[in-house]
Structure formats: structure tokens, C-alpha cells
Amino acid sequence: MSSTKRFGARYGRKPKAKFALIEAQQRTKYKCPYCSKFGVKRLAMGIWQCQKCDAKFASRAYTINKGA
């Protein structure tokens, strides 16, 4: 939970753990559905752009993949 250290002792353990998981998912690079290279970054909520082929597309809010 290194990204949640900025909150200090506030908000409790479980909300900070959920926040750290979501933040880690949204900051990782994903595989592009068009060129199949790992270079897709999140621009805004639900808007993703590949840095390699410059494709911009909409997907899920925090991750491209479906998952729990």
C-alpha cells in the first residue's frame, strides 16, 4: 500500500487497500487490442490510448480487462 501512505492514519485499512488496488490497475500499461503491443495508458476515466499505434478508444474506467 505504498500509494496510500499519503493518507496517513485516516480512512481505515480496507478503503485504503481498495484504493491501492484500483490505482495500481489504472496506472499499469495494457496490451493494445489493435497492434497487440504493451503501450496502452489511461488518459481519463474510460478513455485509453496506445502509445505505439496512437489508437484512442473507450473501455472500462480503471482497467481494460474484465475482471473481479
Protein backbone atom coordinates (compact mmCIF):
# COMPACT_ATOMS: atom_id res chain seq x y z
CA MET A 1 0.00 0.00 0.00
CA SER A 2 2.74 2.44 -0.83
CA SER A 3 0.46 4.72 -2.84
CA THR A 4 -1.87 5.19 0.12
CA LYS A 5 0.78 6.40 2.56
CA ARG A 6 -0.20 9.93 1.62
CA PHE A 7 -3.45 9.46 3.59
CA GLY A 8 -1.64 8.76 6.85
CA ALA A 9 -3.82 7.32 9.60
CA ARG A 10 -7.08 8.49 8.04
CA TYR A 11 -9.88 6.45 6.37
CA GLY A 12 -9.05 2.94 7.68
CA ARG A 13 -7.29 -0.08 6.25
CA LYS A 14 -9.92 -1.58 3.94
CA PRO A 15 -10.76 1.56 1.94
CA LYS A 16 -7.06 2.29 1.50
CA ALA A 17 -6.42 -1.28 0.31
CA LYS A 18 -9.22 -1.00 -2.28
CA PHE A 19 -7.91 2.37 -3.40
CA ALA A 20 -4.38 1.00 -3.78
CA LEU A 21 -5.65 -1.90 -5.91
CA ILE A 22 -7.65 0.37 -8.23
CA GLU A 23 -4.81 2.87 -8.53
CA ALA A 24 -2.32 0.13 -9.40
CA GLN A 25 -4.69 -1.23 -12.08
CA GLN A 26 -5.23 2.13 -13.74
CA ARG A 27 -1.52 3.01 -13.85
CA THR A 28 -0.25 -0.21 -15.45
CA LYS A 29 0.30 -0.48 -19.19
CA TYR A 30 -2.04 -2.81 -21.06
CA LYS A 31 -1.93 -4.70 -24.34
CA CYS A 32 -3.37 -2.78 -27.28
CA PRO A 33 -6.34 -4.50 -28.96
CA TYR A 34 -5.25 -3.08 -32.33
CA CYS A 35 -1.46 -3.60 -32.52
CA SER A 36 -1.04 -6.13 -29.66
CA LYS A 37 1.83 -4.23 -28.02
CA PHE A 38 2.03 -3.20 -24.38
CA GLY A 39 1.66 0.55 -24.51
CA VAL A 40 -1.91 1.46 -23.63
CA LYS A 41 -2.23 4.11 -20.95
CA ARG A 42 -5.26 5.67 -19.33
CA LEU A 43 -5.97 9.24 -20.41
CA ALA A 44 -9.15 9.84 -18.46
CA MET A 45 -11.94 7.79 -16.93
CA GLY A 46 -12.75 5.15 -19.55
CA ILE A 47 -10.53 6.67 -22.27
CA TRP A 48 -7.40 4.76 -23.25
CA GLN A 49 -4.67 5.48 -25.81
CA CYS A 50 -1.95 3.29 -27.28
CA GLN A 51 1.43 4.98 -27.28
CA LYS A 52 2.69 2.80 -30.13
CA CYS A 53 -0.05 2.99 -32.78
CA ASP A 54 -1.79 6.10 -31.35
CA ALA A 55 -5.20 4.39 -31.27
CA LYS A 56 -7.64 6.01 -28.85
CA PHE A 57 -10.61 4.01 -27.62
CA ALA A 58 -13.11 3.67 -24.80
CA SER A 59 -13.16 0.81 -22.33
CA ARG A 60 -13.69 0.23 -18.63
CA ALA A 61 -12.99 3.02 -16.15
CA TYR A 62 -9.91 1.68 -14.36
CA THR A 63 -8.80 -1.30 -16.48
CA ILE A 64 -9.20 -2.61 -19.99
CA ASN A 65 -9.64 -6.24 -18.97
CA LYS A 66 -12.77 -7.67 -17.47
CA GLY A 67 -12.11 -8.98 -14.01
CA ALA A 68 -13.18 -9.13 -10.42
